[in-house]
Amino acid sequence: MADAKTHALIAGVAGVAAYAVYCRRNAQEVRFLDAVASGLVAVAGGLAPDLIEPANNPNHRRLFHSLAAGTALIHGNNQVQANDRVPDSAKLILILLVVGYVSHLLVDALTPKGLPVLC
């Protein structure tokens, strides 16, 4: 099972990559400090599942460690991205949080226990 450092590292790298893709899609310059901040926001998202459902026992993976939670987050993110009234900065922050969270689920899915579909 991946520990918090592993989840943080993977989420941070995924967040920086997501920021770079976001900049490219929006024809914006990639800025170093913004890339670092993006990685940190994604780390917060990547640590969230274990903050919500701590790994106190081997069966801690419930709703917030499920495919349903990941699917719901991605769907909610898509709804926000389509909303013209939401500022671009808020959209980017949400993307980074979701990228971090989903990276956590993907790493956990690769373990022998995998992920539950629902809970």
Protein backbone atom coordinates (compact mmCIF):
# COMPACT_ATOMS: atom_id res chain seq x y z
CA MET A 1 0.00 0.00 0.00
CA ALA A 2 1.31 3.45 -0.90
CA ASP A 3 2.15 5.78 1.96
CA ALA A 4 1.45 9.51 2.25
CA LYS A 5 4.85 10.46 0.79
CA THR A 6 4.22 8.37 -2.31
CA HIS A 7 0.73 9.79 -2.76
CA ALA A 8 2.07 13.33 -2.30
CA LEU A 9 4.90 12.84 -4.79
CA ILE A 10 2.70 11.34 -7.48
CA ALA A 11 -0.04 13.95 -6.96
CA GLY A 12 2.51 16.78 -7.06
CA VAL A 13 4.03 15.59 -10.33
CA ALA A 14 0.55 15.07 -11.80
CA GLY A 15 -0.44 18.57 -10.68
CA VAL A 16 2.56 20.21 -12.35
CA ALA A 17 1.83 18.24 -15.53
CA ALA A 18 -1.83 19.24 -15.41
CA TYR A 19 -0.82 22.89 -14.98
CA ALA A 20 1.49 22.66 -18.00
CA VAL A 21 -1.29 21.13 -20.10
CA TYR A 22 -3.72 23.81 -18.88
CA CYS A 23 -1.27 26.55 -19.89
CA ARG A 24 -0.69 25.03 -23.30
CA ARG A 25 -4.43 24.64 -23.97
CA ASN A 26 -5.02 28.25 -22.96
CA ALA A 27 -1.94 29.65 -24.74
CA GLN A 28 -0.46 30.86 -21.45
CA GLU A 29 3.13 30.98 -20.33
CA VAL A 30 4.17 28.33 -17.79
CA ARG A 31 5.49 30.14 -14.71
CA PHE A 32 7.74 28.40 -12.23
CA LEU A 33 6.03 29.60 -9.04
CA ASP A 34 2.60 28.83 -10.48
CA ALA A 35 3.82 25.34 -11.37
CA VAL A 36 5.05 24.82 -7.80
CA ALA A 37 1.77 26.13 -6.39
CA SER A 38 -0.14 23.84 -8.75
CA GLY A 39 1.83 20.86 -7.51
CA LEU A 40 1.04 21.78 -3.91
CA VAL A 41 -2.68 22.13 -4.64
CA ALA A 42 -2.65 18.71 -6.29
CA VAL A 43 -0.82 17.28 -3.26
CA ALA A 44 -3.71 18.51 -1.10
CA GLY A 45 -6.11 16.65 -3.38
CA GLY A 46 -3.86 13.60 -3.36
CA LEU A 47 -3.83 13.40 0.42
CA ALA A 48 -7.57 14.08 0.82
CA PRO A 49 -8.84 10.48 0.54
CA ASP A 50 -6.72 9.36 3.50
CA LEU A 51 -7.65 12.47 5.48
CA ILE A 52 -11.33 11.71 4.93
CA GLU A 53 -10.95 7.94 5.47
CA PRO A 54 -7.76 7.37 7.48
CA ALA A 55 -5.87 4.14 6.96
CA ASN A 56 -6.56 2.95 10.51
CA ASN A 57 -7.21 -0.59 9.35
CA PRO A 58 -6.76 -2.64 6.16
CA ASN A 59 -10.43 -2.16 5.26
CA HIS A 60 -10.44 1.65 5.36
CA ARG A 61 -11.27 1.98 1.67
CA ARG A 62 -14.92 2.85 1.55
CA LEU A 63 -16.91 5.48 -0.39
CA PHE A 64 -14.15 8.10 -0.65
CA HIS A 65 -11.70 5.46 -1.90
CA SER A 66 -14.03 4.12 -4.58
CA LEU A 67 -14.48 4.28 -8.31
CA ALA A 68 -17.81 5.98 -7.65
CA ALA A 69 -16.10 8.83 -5.78
CA GLY A 70 -13.57 9.33 -8.59
CA THR A 71 -16.32 9.28 -11.20
CA ALA A 72 -18.42 11.77 -9.24
CA LEU A 73 -15.46 14.13 -8.84
CA ILE A 74 -14.64 14.00 -12.54
CA HIS A 75 -18.29 14.58 -13.46
CA GLY A 76 -18.57 17.51 -11.03
CA ASN A 77 -15.35 18.99 -12.39
CA ASN A 78 -16.70 18.74 -15.94
CA GLN A 79 -19.85 20.58 -14.89
CA VAL A 80 -17.84 23.39 -13.32
CA GLN A 81 -15.51 23.65 -16.32
CA ALA A 82 -18.54 24.15 -18.59
CA ASN A 83 -19.90 26.98 -16.42
CA ASP A 84 -18.88 30.36 -17.86
CA ARG A 85 -19.65 32.12 -14.58
CA VAL A 86 -16.87 30.33 -12.70
CA PRO A 87 -13.54 32.22 -12.81
CA ASP A 88 -10.68 30.51 -14.65
CA SER A 89 -8.53 30.54 -11.52
CA ALA A 90 -11.19 28.59 -9.60
CA LYS A 91 -11.51 26.14 -12.49
CA LEU A 92 -7.76 25.52 -12.44
CA ILE A 93 -7.73 24.95 -8.69
CA LEU A 94 -10.57 22.45 -9.01
CA ILE A 95 -8.78 20.64 -11.84
CA LEU A 96 -5.65 20.35 -9.69
CA LEU A 97 -7.55 19.06 -6.66
CA VAL A 98 -9.33 16.47 -8.79
CA VAL A 99 -6.10 15.42 -10.50
CA GLY A 100 -4.49 14.89 -7.10
CA TYR A 101 -7.48 12.99 -5.72
CA VAL A 102 -7.77 10.76 -8.77
CA SER A 103 -4.01 10.09 -8.72
CA HIS A 104 -4.48 8.76 -5.17
CA LEU A 105 -7.25 6.45 -6.35
CA LEU A 106 -5.19 5.23 -9.31
CA VAL A 107 -2.22 4.40 -7.08
CA ASP A 108 -4.49 2.56 -4.64
CA ALA A 109 -6.12 0.70 -7.53
CA LEU A 110 -2.73 -0.79 -8.38
CA THR A 111 -2.40 -2.42 -4.95
CA PRO A 112 -3.54 -6.01 -4.31
CA LYS A 113 -6.66 -4.76 -2.49
CA GLY A 114 -7.63 -2.50 -5.38
CA LEU A 115 -10.58 -0.13 -5.05
CA PRO A 116 -14.21 -0.80 -4.29
CA VAL A 117 -16.73 0.14 -6.96
CA LEU A 118 -19.00 1.90 -4.49
CA CYS A 119 -18.06 1.20 -0.86
